[in-house]
PDB file of N, CA and C in Angstrom:
ATOM      1  N   MET A   1    -110.915  92.218 -18.122  1.00  0.00           N
ATOM      2  CA  MET A   1    -111.681  90.798 -18.382  1.00  0.00           C
ATOM      3  C   MET A   1    -110.598  90.350 -19.723  1.00  0.00           C
ATOM      4  N   LYS A   2    -110.587  88.899 -19.278  1.00  0.00           N
ATOM      5  CA  LYS A   2    -109.528  88.567 -20.458  1.00  0.00           C
ATOM      6  C   LYS A   2    -110.370  87.402 -21.340  1.00  0.00           C
ATOM      7  N   PHE A   3    -109.988  87.463 -22.579  1.00  0.00           N
ATOM      8  CA  PHE A   3    -111.071  86.786 -23.441  1.00  0.00           C
ATOM      9  C   PHE A   3    -110.272  85.204 -23.963  1.00  0.00           C
ATOM     10  N   SER A   4    -110.531  84.532 -24.554  1.00  0.00           N
ATOM     11  CA  SER A   4    -110.180  83.166 -25.262  1.00  0.00           C
ATOM     12  C   SER A   4    -109.203  83.890 -26.687  1.00  0.00           C
ATOM     13  N   SER A   5    -108.687  82.954 -26.686  1.00  0.00           N
ATOM     14  CA  SER A   5    -108.245  83.176 -28.529  1.00  0.00           C
ATOM     15  C   SER A   5    -109.172  83.125 -29.290  1.00  0.00           C
ATOM     16  N   LYS A   6    -110.462  82.066 -29.245  1.00  0.00           N
ATOM     17  CA  LYS A   6    -111.500  82.197 -30.114  1.00  0.00           C
ATOM     18  C   LYS A   6    -111.973  83.643 -29.892  1.00  0.00           C
ATOM     19  N   ALA A   7    -112.544  84.259 -28.931  1.00  0.00           N
ATOM     20  CA  ALA A   7    -113.019  85.850 -28.973  1.00  0.00           C
ATOM     21  C   ALA A   7    -112.194  86.481 -29.563  1.00  0.00           C
ATOM     22  N   GLU A   8    -110.729  86.468 -29.148  1.00  0.00           N
ATOM     23  CA  GLU A   8    -109.903  87.293 -29.789  1.00  0.00           C
ATOM     24  C   GLU A   8    -109.811  87.291 -31.389  1.00  0.00           C
ATOM     25  N   TYR A   9    -109.719  86.053 -31.644  1.00  0.00           N
ATOM     26  CA  TYR A   9    -109.389  85.833 -33.396  1.00  0.00           C
ATOM     27  C   TYR A   9    -111.051  86.340 -33.881  1.00  0.00           C
ATOM     28  N   GLY A  10    -111.764  85.771 -33.126  1.00  0.00           N
ATOM     29  CA  GLY A  10    -113.317  86.442 -33.723  1.00  0.00           C
ATOM     30  C   GLY A  10    -113.665  87.722 -34.075  1.00  0.00           C
ATOM     31  N   LEU A  11    -112.910  88.159 -32.819  1.00  0.00           N
ATOM     32  CA  LEU A  11    -113.212  89.990 -32.952  1.00  0.00           C
ATOM     33  C   LEU A  11    -112.092  90.612 -33.987  1.00  0.00           C
ATOM     34  N   ARG A  12    -111.164  89.780 -34.072  1.00  0.00           N
ATOM     35  CA  ARG A  12    -110.143  90.534 -35.454  1.00  0.00           C
ATOM     36  C   ARG A  12    -110.987  90.068 -36.510  1.00  0.00           C
ATOM     37  N   ALA A  13    -111.366  89.009 -37.148  1.00  0.00           N
ATOM     38  CA  ALA A  13    -111.764  88.679 -37.825  1.00  0.00           C
ATOM     39  C   ALA A  13    -113.022  89.438 -38.603  1.00  0.00           C
ATOM     40  N   MET A  14    -113.838  89.824 -37.393  1.00  0.00           N
ATOM     41  CA  MET A  14    -115.060  90.437 -37.652  1.00  0.00           C
ATOM     42  C   MET A  14    -114.919  92.104 -37.769  1.00  0.00           C
ATOM     43  N   VAL A  15    -113.562  92.481 -37.245  1.00  0.00           N
ATOM     44  CA  VAL A  15    -113.269  93.905 -37.675  1.00  0.00           C
ATOM     45  C   VAL A  15    -112.592  93.805 -38.972  1.00  0.00           C
ATOM     46  N   PHE A  16    -112.009  92.864 -39.259  1.00  0.00           N
ATOM     47  CA  PHE A  16    -111.507  92.886 -40.695  1.00  0.00           C
ATOM     48  C   PHE A  16    -112.875  93.203 -41.727  1.00  0.00           C
ATOM     49  N   LEU A  17    -113.755  92.198 -41.410  1.00  0.00           N
ATOM     50  CA  LEU A  17    -114.811  92.066 -42.413  1.00  0.00           C
ATOM     51  C   LEU A  17    -115.773  93.428 -42.342  1.00  0.00           C
ATOM     52  N   ALA A  18    -115.690  94.084 -41.008  1.00  0.00           N
ATOM     53  CA  ALA A  18    -116.230  95.537 -40.899  1.00  0.00           C
ATOM     54  C   ALA A  18    -115.422  96.518 -41.719  1.00  0.00           C
ATOM     55  N   LYS A  19    -114.404  96.490 -41.871  1.00  0.00           N
ATOM     56  CA  LYS A  19    -113.576  97.389 -42.644  1.00  0.00           C
ATOM     57  C   LYS A  19    -113.850  97.222 -44.421  1.00  0.00           C
ATOM     58  N   GLU A  20    -114.201  95.748 -44.556  1.00  0.00           N
ATOM     59  CA  GLU A  20    -114.225  95.434 -45.818  1.00  0.00           C
ATOM     60  C   GLU A  20    -115.676  95.389 -46.516  1.00  0.00           C
ATOM     61  N   TYR A  21    -116.639  95.439 -45.642  1.00  0.00           N
ATOM     62  CA  TYR A  21    -118.260  95.731 -45.451  1.00  0.00           C
ATOM     63  C   TYR A  21    -118.347  96.496 -46.949  1.00  0.00           C
ATOM     64  N   PRO A  22    -119.208  95.862 -47.798  1.00  0.00           N
ATOM     65  CA  PRO A  22    -120.146  94.896 -48.057  1.00  0.00           C
ATOM     66  C   PRO A  22    -119.379  93.855 -48.774  1.00  0.00           C
ATOM     67  N   TYR A  23    -118.264  93.857 -49.105  1.00  0.00           N
ATOM     68  CA  TYR A  23    -117.369  92.752 -50.006  1.00  0.00           C
ATOM     69  C   TYR A  23    -117.379  91.404 -49.246  1.00  0.00           C
ATOM     70  N   LEU A  24    -117.367  90.415 -50.142  1.00  0.00           N
ATOM     71  CA  LEU A  24    -116.991  89.227 -49.691  1.00  0.00           C
ATOM     72  C   LEU A  24    -115.354  88.898 -49.342  1.00  0.00           C
ATOM     73  N   ARG A  25    -114.987  88.271 -48.279  1.00  0.00           N
ATOM     74  CA  ARG A  25    -113.806  88.035 -48.284  1.00  0.00           C
ATOM     75  C   ARG A  25    -113.369  86.678 -48.120  1.00  0.00           C
ATOM     76  N   SER A  26    -112.426  85.867 -48.278  1.00  0.00           N
ATOM     77  CA  SER A  26    -112.207  84.169 -48.044  1.00  0.00           C
ATOM     78  C   SER A  26    -111.747  83.995 -46.632  1.00  0.00           C
ATOM     79  N   ILE A  27    -111.841  82.838 -46.266  1.00  0.00           N
ATOM     80  CA  ILE A  27    -111.284  82.709 -44.845  1.00  0.00           C
ATOM     81  C   ILE A  27    -109.539  82.691 -45.185  1.00  0.00           C
ATOM     82  N   THR A  28    -109.213  82.420 -46.250  1.00  0.00           N
ATOM     83  CA  THR A  28    -107.544  82.119 -46.608  1.00  0.00           C
ATOM     84  C   THR A  28    -106.824  83.739 -46.459  1.00  0.00           C
ATOM     85  N   GLU A  29    -107.871  84.424 -47.117  1.00  0.00           N
ATOM     86  CA  GLU A  29    -107.558  85.936 -47.062  1.00  0.00           C
ATOM     87  C   GLU A  29    -107.371  86.744 -45.701  1.00  0.00           C
ATOM     88  N   ILE A  30    -108.581  86.544 -44.926  1.00  0.00           N
ATOM     89  CA  ILE A  30    -108.646  86.870 -43.632  1.00  0.00           C
ATOM     90  C   ILE A  30    -107.403  86.404 -42.611  1.00  0.00           C
ATOM     91  N   SER A  31    -107.293  84.793 -42.962  1.00  0.00           N
ATOM     92  CA  SER A  31    -106.514  84.168 -42.355  1.00  0.00           C
ATOM     93  C   SER A  31    -105.008  84.603 -42.416  1.00  0.00           C
ATOM     94  N   LEU A  32    -104.522  84.938 -43.700  1.00  0.00           N
ATOM     95  CA  LEU A  32    -103.021  85.442 -43.908  1.00  0.00           C
ATOM     96  C   LEU A  32    -103.475  86.997 -43.874  1.00  0.00           C
ATOM     97  N   GLU A  33    -104.188  87.992 -43.602  1.00  0.00           N
ATOM     98  CA  GLU A  33    -103.983  89.212 -43.198  1.00  0.00           C
ATOM     99  C   GLU A  33    -104.174  89.289 -41.755  1.00  0.00           C
ATOM    100  N   GLU A  34    -104.811  88.564 -40.865  1.00  0.00           N
ATOM    101  CA  GLU A  34    -104.724  88.655 -39.461  1.00  0.00           C
ATOM    102  C   GLU A  34    -103.948  87.535 -38.977  1.00  0.00           C
ATOM    103  N   ASN A  35    -103.171  86.828 -39.597  1.00  0.00           N
ATOM    104  CA  ASN A  35    -102.248  85.867 -39.162  1.00  0.00           C
ATOM    105  C   ASN A  35    -103.194  84.918 -38.031  1.00  0.00           C
ATOM    106  N   ILE A  36    -104.146  84.312 -38.543  1.00  0.00           N
ATOM    107  CA  ILE A  36    -105.104  83.219 -37.671  1.00  0.00           C
ATOM    108  C   ILE A  36    -105.119  81.882 -38.871  1.00  0.00           C
ATOM    109  N   SER A  37    -104.948  80.678 -38.040  1.00  0.00           N
ATOM    110  CA  SER A  37    -105.129  79.762 -38.478  1.00  0.00           C
ATOM    111  C   SER A  37    -106.415  79.589 -39.389  1.00  0.00           C
ATOM    112  N   ALA A  38    -106.314  78.878 -40.810  1.00  0.00           N
ATOM    113  CA  ALA A  38    -107.495  78.998 -41.509  1.00  0.00           C
ATOM    114  C   ALA A  38    -108.492  78.120 -40.718  1.00  0.00           C
ATOM    115  N   LYS A  39    -107.865  76.885 -40.612  1.00  0.00           N
ATOM    116  CA  LYS A  39    -108.871  76.048 -40.065  1.00  0.00           C
ATOM    117  C   LYS A  39    -109.529  76.732 -38.271  1.00  0.00           C
ATOM    118  N   TYR A  40    -108.563  77.017 -37.605  1.00  0.00           N
ATOM    119  CA  TYR A  40    -109.433  77.609 -36.447  1.00  0.00           C
ATOM    120  C   TYR A  40    -110.676  78.774 -36.778  1.00  0.00           C
ATOM    121  N   LEU A  41    -109.997  79.857 -37.937  1.00  0.00           N
ATOM    122  CA  LEU A  41    -110.876  80.405 -38.390  1.00  0.00           C
ATOM    123  C   LEU A  41    -112.330  79.789 -39.053  1.00  0.00           C
ATOM    124  N   GLU A  42    -112.041  78.964 -39.628  1.00  0.00           N
ATOM    125  CA  GLU A  42    -113.360  77.946 -40.177  1.00  0.00           C
ATOM    126  C   GLU A  42    -114.166  77.675 -39.100  1.00  0.00           C
ATOM    127  N   GLN A  43    -113.661  77.067 -37.969  1.00  0.00           N
ATOM    128  CA  GLN A  43    -114.700  76.984 -36.721  1.00  0.00           C
ATOM    129  C   GLN A  43    -115.456  78.139 -36.094  1.00  0.00           C
ATOM    130  N   ILE A  44    -114.478  79.222 -36.027  1.00  0.00           N
ATOM    131  CA  ILE A  44    -115.282  80.143 -35.236  1.00  0.00           C
ATOM    132  C   ILE A  44    -116.206  81.090 -36.381  1.00  0.00           C
ATOM    133  N   PHE A  45    -115.995  80.817 -37.552  1.00  0.00           N
ATOM    134  CA  PHE A  45    -117.193  81.069 -38.641  1.00  0.00           C
ATOM    135  C   PHE A  45    -118.185  80.469 -38.362  1.00  0.00           C
ATOM    136  N   ILE A  46    -118.333  79.355 -38.167  1.00  0.00           N
ATOM    137  CA  ILE A  46    -119.387  78.283 -38.243  1.00  0.00           C
ATOM    138  C   ILE A  46    -120.478  78.995 -37.024  1.00  0.00           C
ATOM    139  N   GLN A  47    -119.512  79.059 -35.970  1.00  0.00           N
ATOM    140  CA  GLN A  47    -120.519  79.793 -34.925  1.00  0.00           C
ATOM    141  C   GLN A  47    -120.972  81.292 -35.205  1.00  0.00           C
ATOM    142  N   LEU A  48    -120.260  81.964 -35.906  1.00  0.00           N
ATOM    143  CA  LEU A  48    -120.511  83.312 -36.268  1.00  0.00           C
ATOM    144  C   LEU A  48    -121.831  83.004 -37.179  1.00  0.00           C
ATOM    145  N   LYS A  49    -121.659  82.463 -37.936  1.00  0.00           N
ATOM    146  CA  LYS A  49    -122.724  81.811 -39.232  1.00  0.00           C
ATOM    147  C   LYS A  49    -123.914  81.658 -38.604  1.00  0.00           C
ATOM    148  N   LYS A  50    -123.954  80.901 -37.785  1.00  0.00           N
ATOM    149  CA  LYS A  50    -125.002  80.086 -36.797  1.00  0.00           C
ATOM    150  C   LYS A  50    -125.814  81.142 -36.203  1.00  0.00           C
ATOM    151  N   ASN A  51    -125.070  82.127 -35.861  1.00  0.00           N
ATOM    152  CA  ASN A  51    -125.667  83.294 -34.879  1.00  0.00           C
ATOM    153  C   ASN A  51    -126.426  84.548 -35.651  1.00  0.00           C
ATOM    154  N   ASP A  52    -126.047  84.460 -37.149  1.00  0.00           N
ATOM    155  CA  ASP A  52    -126.431  85.548 -38.146  1.00  0.00           C
ATOM    156  C   ASP A  52    -125.535  86.499 -38.119  1.00  0.00           C
ATOM    157  N   LEU A  53    -124.230  86.774 -37.875  1.00  0.00           N
ATOM    158  CA  LEU A  53    -123.426  87.347 -37.450  1.00  0.00           C
ATOM    159  C   LEU A  53    -122.229  87.992 -39.070  1.00  0.00           C
ATOM    160  N   ILE A  54    -122.697  86.888 -39.667  1.00  0.00           N
ATOM    161  CA  ILE A  54    -121.948  86.711 -40.995  1.00  0.00           C
ATOM    162  C   ILE A  54    -122.909  85.833 -41.651  1.00  0.00           C
ATOM    163  N   VAL A  55    -122.685  86.005 -42.979  1.00  0.00           N
ATOM    164  CA  VAL A  55    -123.257  85.652 -44.394  1.00  0.00           C
ATOM    165  C   VAL A  55    -122.079  85.107 -45.189  1.00  0.00           C
ATOM    166  N   SER A  56    -122.330  83.583 -46.120  1.00  0.00           N
ATOM    167  CA  SER A  56    -121.375  83.539 -46.950  1.00  0.00           C
ATOM    168  C   SER A  56    -121.831  82.984 -48.510  1.00  0.00           C
ATOM    169  N   GLN A  57    -121.166  83.110 -49.096  1.00  0.00           N
ATOM    170  CA  GLN A  57    -121.566  82.854 -50.569  1.00  0.00           C
ATOM    171  C   GLN A  57    -120.585  82.031 -50.936  1.00  0.00           C
ATOM    172  N   LYS A  58    -121.027  80.748 -51.719  1.00  0.00           N
ATOM    173  CA  LYS A  58    -120.299  79.938 -52.060  1.00  0.00           C
ATOM    174  C   LYS A  58    -119.685  79.936 -53.643  1.00  0.00           C
ATOM    175  N   GLY A  59    -118.988  79.395 -54.194  1.00  0.00           N
ATOM    176  CA  GLY A  59    -118.122  79.571 -55.409  1.00  0.00           C
ATOM    177  C   GLY A  59    -116.972  80.443 -55.683  1.00  0.00           C
ATOM    178  N   LYS A  60    -116.483  80.664 -56.948  1.00  0.00           N
ATOM    179  CA  LYS A  60    -115.059  81.150 -57.018  1.00  0.00           C
ATOM    180  C   LYS A  60    -115.156  82.340 -56.545  1.00  0.00           C
ATOM    181  N   SER A  61    -115.707  83.022 -56.402  1.00  0.00           N
ATOM    182  CA  SER A  61    -115.797  84.876 -56.068  1.00  0.00           C
ATOM    183  C   SER A  61    -116.924  84.942 -54.889  1.00  0.00           C
ATOM    184  N   GLY A  62    -116.904  83.383 -54.377  1.00  0.00           N
ATOM    185  CA  GLY A  62    -117.652  83.631 -52.508  1.00  0.00           C
ATOM    186  C   GLY A  62    -116.686  84.102 -51.671  1.00  0.00           C
ATOM    187  N   GLY A  63    -117.185  84.051 -50.424  1.00  0.00           N
ATOM    188  CA  GLY A  63    -116.604  84.475 -49.200  1.00  0.00           C
ATOM    189  C   GLY A  63    -117.683  84.711 -48.157  1.00  0.00           C
ATOM    190  N   TYR A  64    -117.280  85.807 -47.259  1.00  0.00           N
ATOM    191  CA  TYR A  64    -117.766  85.921 -45.919  1.00  0.00           C
ATOM    192  C   TYR A  64    -117.744  87.051 -46.022  1.00  0.00           C
ATOM    193  N   THR A  65    -119.148  88.045 -45.571  1.00  0.00           N
ATOM    194  CA  THR A  65    -119.506  89.425 -45.434  1.00  0.00           C
ATOM    195  C   THR A  65    -120.274  89.261 -43.810  1.00  0.00           C
ATOM    196  N   LEU A  66    -120.160  90.742 -43.207  1.00  0.00           N
ATOM    197  CA  LEU A  66    -121.035  90.682 -42.151  1.00  0.00           C
ATOM    198  C   LEU A  66    -122.520  90.456 -42.776  1.00  0.00           C
ATOM    199  N   SER A  67    -123.365  90.136 -41.655  1.00  0.00           N
ATOM    200  CA  SER A  67    -124.754  89.978 -42.161  1.00  0.00           C
ATOM    201  C   SER A  67    -125.436  91.299 -41.913  1.00  0.00           C
ATOM    202  N   ARG A  68    -125.218  92.101 -41.390  1.00  0.00           N
ATOM    203  CA  ARG A  68    -125.727  93.527 -40.874  1.00  0.00           C
ATOM    204  C   ARG A  68    -124.624  94.725 -41.183  1.00  0.00           C
ATOM    205  N   LYS A  69    -125.009  95.679 -41.137  1.00  0.00           N
ATOM    206  CA  LYS A  69    -123.694  97.196 -41.162  1.00  0.00           C
ATOM    207  C   LYS A  69    -122.945  96.935 -39.998  1.00  0.00           C
ATOM    208  N   PRO A  70    -121.785  97.206 -40.243  1.00  0.00           N
ATOM    209  CA  PRO A  70    -120.959  96.995 -39.272  1.00  0.00           C
ATOM    210  C   PRO A  70    -121.348  98.090 -37.725  1.00  0.00           C
ATOM    211  N   ASP A  71    -122.141  98.780 -37.973  1.00  0.00           N
ATOM    212  CA  ASP A  71    -122.804  99.720 -36.460  1.00  0.00           C
ATOM    213  C   ASP A  71    -123.576  99.218 -36.309  1.00  0.00           C
ATOM    214  N   GLN A  72    -124.300  97.860 -36.705  1.00  0.00           N
ATOM    215  CA  GLN A  72    -125.342  97.253 -36.101  1.00  0.00           C
ATOM    216  C   GLN A  72    -125.052  95.939 -35.099  1.00  0.00           C
ATOM    217  N   ILE A  73    -123.634  95.748 -35.381  1.00  0.00           N
ATOM    218  CA  ILE A  73    -123.212  94.491 -34.600  1.00  0.00           C
ATOM    219  C   ILE A  73    -122.173  95.002 -33.463  1.00  0.00           C
ATOM    220  N   SER A  74    -122.375  94.200 -32.210  1.00  0.00           N
ATOM    221  CA  SER A  74    -121.515  94.914 -31.012  1.00  0.00           C
ATOM    222  C   SER A  74    -120.534  93.698 -30.412  1.00  0.00           C
ATOM    223  N   VAL A  75    -119.756  94.524 -30.039  1.00  0.00           N
ATOM    224  CA  VAL A  75    -118.818  93.748 -29.376  1.00  0.00           C
ATOM    225  C   VAL A  75    -119.239  92.780 -28.522  1.00  0.00           C
ATOM    226  N   GLY A  76    -120.106  93.082 -27.567  1.00  0.00           N
ATOM    227  CA  GLY A  76    -120.497  91.972 -26.837  1.00  0.00           C
ATOM    228  C   GLY A  76    -121.582  91.019 -27.741  1.00  0.00           C
ATOM    229  N   GLU A  77    -121.956  91.471 -28.327  1.00  0.00           N
ATOM    230  CA  GLU A  77    -122.693  90.168 -29.314  1.00  0.00           C
ATOM    231  C   GLU A  77    -121.779  89.137 -29.893  1.00  0.00           C
ATOM    232  N   ILE A  78    -120.818  89.896 -30.596  1.00  0.00           N
ATOM    233  CA  ILE A  78    -119.665  88.855 -30.637  1.00  0.00           C
ATOM    234  C   ILE A  78    -119.249  87.915 -29.846  1.00  0.00           C
ATOM    235  N   VAL A  79    -118.611  88.580 -28.617  1.00  0.00           N
ATOM    236  CA  VAL A  79    -118.204  87.646 -27.669  1.00  0.00           C
ATOM    237  C   VAL A  79    -119.118  86.530 -26.915  1.00  0.00           C
ATOM    238  N   GLU A  80    -120.252  87.109 -26.741  1.00  0.00           N
ATOM    239  CA  GLU A  80    -121.124  86.229 -26.511  1.00  0.00           C
ATOM    240  C   GLU A  80    -121.577  84.978 -27.490  1.00  0.00           C
ATOM    241  N   THR A  81    -121.468  84.975 -28.767  1.00  0.00           N
ATOM    242  CA  THR A  81    -121.481  84.148 -29.646  1.00  0.00           C
ATOM    243  C   THR A  81    -120.433  83.145 -29.452  1.00  0.00           C
ATOM    244  N   LEU A  82    -119.402  83.635 -29.248  1.00  0.00           N
ATOM    245  CA  LEU A  82    -117.964  82.783 -29.004  1.00  0.00           C
ATOM    246  C   LEU A  82    -117.817  82.211 -27.845  1.00  0.00           C
ATOM    247  N   GLU A  83    -118.237  82.927 -26.528  1.00  0.00           N
ATOM    248  CA  GLU A  83    -117.927  82.634 -25.216  1.00  0.00           C
ATOM    249  C   GLU A  83    -119.067  82.265 -24.646  1.00  0.00           C
ATOM    250  N   GLY A  84    -120.052  82.788 -24.877  1.00  0.00           N
ATOM    251  CA  GLY A  84    -121.254  82.154 -24.009  1.00  0.00           C
ATOM    252  C   GLY A  84    -121.680  83.671 -23.467  1.00  0.00           C
ATOM    253  N   LYS A  85    -123.033  83.208 -22.554  1.00  0.00           N
ATOM    254  CA  LYS A  85    -123.477  84.438 -21.952  1.00  0.00           C
ATOM    255  C   LYS A  85    -122.457  85.446 -20.797  1.00  0.00           C
ATOM    256  N   ILE A  86    -122.186  86.543 -20.934  1.00  0.00           N
ATOM    257  CA  ILE A  86    -121.381  87.055 -20.127  1.00  0.00           C
ATOM    258  C   ILE A  86    -122.176  87.664 -19.017  1.00  0.00           C
ATOM    259  N   GLU A  87    -121.549  87.070 -17.759  1.00  0.00           N
ATOM    260  CA  GLU A  87    -122.272  87.663 -16.190  1.00  0.00           C
ATOM    261  C   GLU A  87    -121.242  88.325 -15.532  1.00  0.00           C
ATOM    262  N   PRO A  88    -121.134  89.498 -15.556  1.00  0.00           N
ATOM    263  CA  PRO A  88    -119.831  90.254 -14.869  1.00  0.00           C
ATOM    264  C   PRO A  88    -119.356  89.688 -13.518  1.00  0.00           C
ATOM    265  N   THR A  89    -120.011  89.219 -12.535  1.00  0.00           N
ATOM    266  CA  THR A  89    -120.172  88.865 -11.485  1.00  0.00           C
ATOM    267  C   THR A  89    -121.040  87.773 -10.793  1.00  0.00           C
ATOM    268  N   LYS A  90    -120.718  87.065  -9.809  1.00  0.00           N
ATOM    269  CA  LYS A  90    -121.864  86.167  -9.609  1.00  0.00           C
ATOM    270  C   LYS A  90    -122.910  86.720  -8.590  1.00  0.00           C
ATOM    271  N   CYS A  91    -123.172  87.661  -8.268  1.00  0.00           N
ATOM    272  CA  CYS A  91    -124.041  88.083  -7.605  1.00  0.00           C
ATOM    273  C   CYS A  91    -125.170  88.764  -8.675  1.00  0.00           C
ATOM    274  N   TYR A  92    -124.805  89.105 -10.101  1.00  0.00           N
ATOM    275  CA  TYR A  92    -125.494  89.480 -10.930  1.00  0.00           C
ATOM    276  C   TYR A  92    -126.220  88.038 -11.664  1.00  0.00           C
ATOM    277  N   SER A  93    -125.451  87.152 -11.328  1.00  0.00           N
ATOM    278  CA  SER A  93    -126.604  85.680 -11.757  1.00  0.00           C
ATOM    279  C   SER A  93    -127.852  85.243 -10.872  1.00  0.00           C
ATOM    280  N   ALA A  94    -128.053  84.248 -11.279  1.00  0.00           N
ATOM    281  CA  ALA A  94    -129.247  83.610 -10.646  1.00  0.00           C
ATOM    282  C   ALA A  94    -128.381  82.939  -9.216  1.00  0.00           C
ATOM    283  N   GLN A  95    -127.371  82.687  -9.285  1.00  0.00           N
ATOM    284  CA  GLN A  95    -126.766  82.320  -8.114  1.00  0.00           C
ATOM    285  C   GLN A  95    -126.628  83.209  -6.492  1.00  0.00           C
ATOM    286  N   CYS A  96    -126.969  84.239  -7.215  1.00  0.00           N
ATOM    287  CA  CYS A  96    -126.824  85.176  -6.158  1.00  0.00           C
ATOM    288  C   CYS A  96    -127.611  84.703  -4.708  1.00  0.00           C
ATOM    289  N   GLU A  97    -126.898  84.702  -3.642  1.00  0.00           N
ATOM    290  CA  GLU A  97    -127.456  84.196  -2.347  1.00  0.00           C
ATOM    291  C   GLU A  97    -128.179  85.129  -1.613  1.00  0.00           C
ATOM    292  N   ASN A  98    -127.453  86.670  -1.712  1.00  0.00           N
ATOM    293  CA  ASN A  98    -127.943  87.492  -0.877  1.00  0.00           C
ATOM    294  C   ASN A  98    -129.117  88.678  -1.698  1.00  0.00           C
ATOM    295  N   SER A  99    -130.462  88.706  -1.599  1.00  0.00           N
ATOM    296  CA  SER A  99    -131.209  89.046  -2.329  1.00  0.00           C
ATOM    297  C   SER A  99    -131.013  90.927  -2.167  1.00  0.00           C
ATOM    298  N   THR A 100    -130.708  91.363  -0.906  1.00  0.00           N
ATOM    299  CA  THR A 100    -130.788  92.690  -0.414  1.00  0.00           C
ATOM    300  C   THR A 100    -129.323  93.382  -1.134  1.00  0.00           C
ATOM    301  N   CYS A 101    -128.596  92.706  -1.898  1.00  0.00           N
ATOM    302  CA  CYS A 101    -127.249  93.045  -2.417  1.00  0.00           C
ATOM    303  C   CYS A 101    -127.504  94.259  -3.037  1.00  0.00           C
ATOM    304  N   ALA A 102    -127.001  95.299  -2.721  1.00  0.00           N
ATOM    305  CA  ALA A 102    -127.063  96.642  -3.668  1.00  0.00           C
ATOM    306  C   ALA A 102    -126.277  96.831  -4.752  1.00  0.00           C
ATOM    307  N   SER A 103    -125.190  96.072  -5.127  1.00  0.00           N
ATOM    308  CA  SER A 103    -124.325  95.954  -5.998  1.00  0.00           C
ATOM    309  C   SER A 103    -125.331  94.910  -7.302  1.00  0.00           C
ATOM    310  N   LYS A 104    -126.185  94.252  -6.954  1.00  0.00           N
ATOM    311  CA  LYS A 104    -127.074  93.409  -7.727  1.00  0.00           C
ATOM    312  C   LYS A 104    -127.629  94.384  -8.781  1.00  0.00           C
ATOM    313  N   LYS A 105    -127.916  95.515  -8.246  1.00  0.00           N
ATOM    314  CA  LYS A 105    -129.344  96.507  -8.860  1.00  0.00           C
ATOM    315  C   LYS A 105    -128.329  97.091 -10.112  1.00  0.00           C
ATOM    316  N   VAL A 106    -126.961  97.377  -9.508  1.00  0.00           N
ATOM    317  CA  VAL A 106    -126.105  97.894 -10.434  1.00  0.00           C
ATOM    318  C   VAL A 106    -125.811  97.241 -11.676  1.00  0.00           C
ATOM    319  N   TRP A 107    -125.389  95.982 -11.380  1.00  0.00           N
ATOM    320  CA  TRP A 107    -124.998  94.958 -12.482  1.00  0.00           C
ATOM    321  C   TRP A 107    -126.252  94.873 -13.396  1.00  0.00           C
ATOM    322  N   VAL A 108    -127.023  94.574 -12.803  1.00  0.00           N
ATOM    323  CA  VAL A 108    -128.259  94.568 -13.757  1.00  0.00           C
ATOM    324  C   VAL A 108    -128.693  95.587 -14.494  1.00  0.00           C
ATOM    325  N   LYS A 109    -128.437  97.029 -14.226  1.00  0.00           N
ATOM    326  CA  LYS A 109    -128.623  98.193 -14.841  1.00  0.00           C
ATOM    327  C   LYS A 109    -127.485  98.041 -15.959  1.00  0.00           C
ATOM    328  N   LEU A 110    -126.404  97.834 -15.475  1.00  0.00           N
ATOM    329  CA  LEU A 110    -125.122  97.685 -16.397  1.00  0.00           C
ATOM    330  C   LEU A 110    -125.635  96.997 -17.888  1.00  0.00           C
ATOM    331  N   SER A 111    -126.074  95.683 -17.305  1.00  0.00           N
ATOM    332  CA  SER A 111    -126.245  94.590 -18.492  1.00  0.00           C
ATOM    333  C   SER A 111    -127.180  95.096 -19.419  1.00  0.00           C
ATOM    334  N   GLN A 112    -128.394  96.034 -19.170  1.00  0.00           N
ATOM    335  CA  GLN A 112    -129.403  96.690 -20.090  1.00  0.00           C
ATOM    336  C   GLN A 112    -128.752  97.678 -20.736  1.00  0.00           C
TER     337      GLN A 112
END
């Protein structure tokens, strides 16, 4: 599976925040450390914050941190926040035209 730059950068930023947890880090600091455009990171952080994956604090010593402990946030949760619902194959989705497809059961189990 290939991720968009948004998902890749979002994952990198979240890993950075996980390593620094529970301390607050600024977008500028993350941007410089991870070599990601600060403007693009701001857009990514809007989505991550909206979906309660990160929290922010304003002010001179403000910044961002994870909303929960790092081990309580999954890669899938981050990617789905930034990319949308992940459905591995067409047969897993509601678009499946073959109701007797044997692999559909496998995909459903894997998604759980």
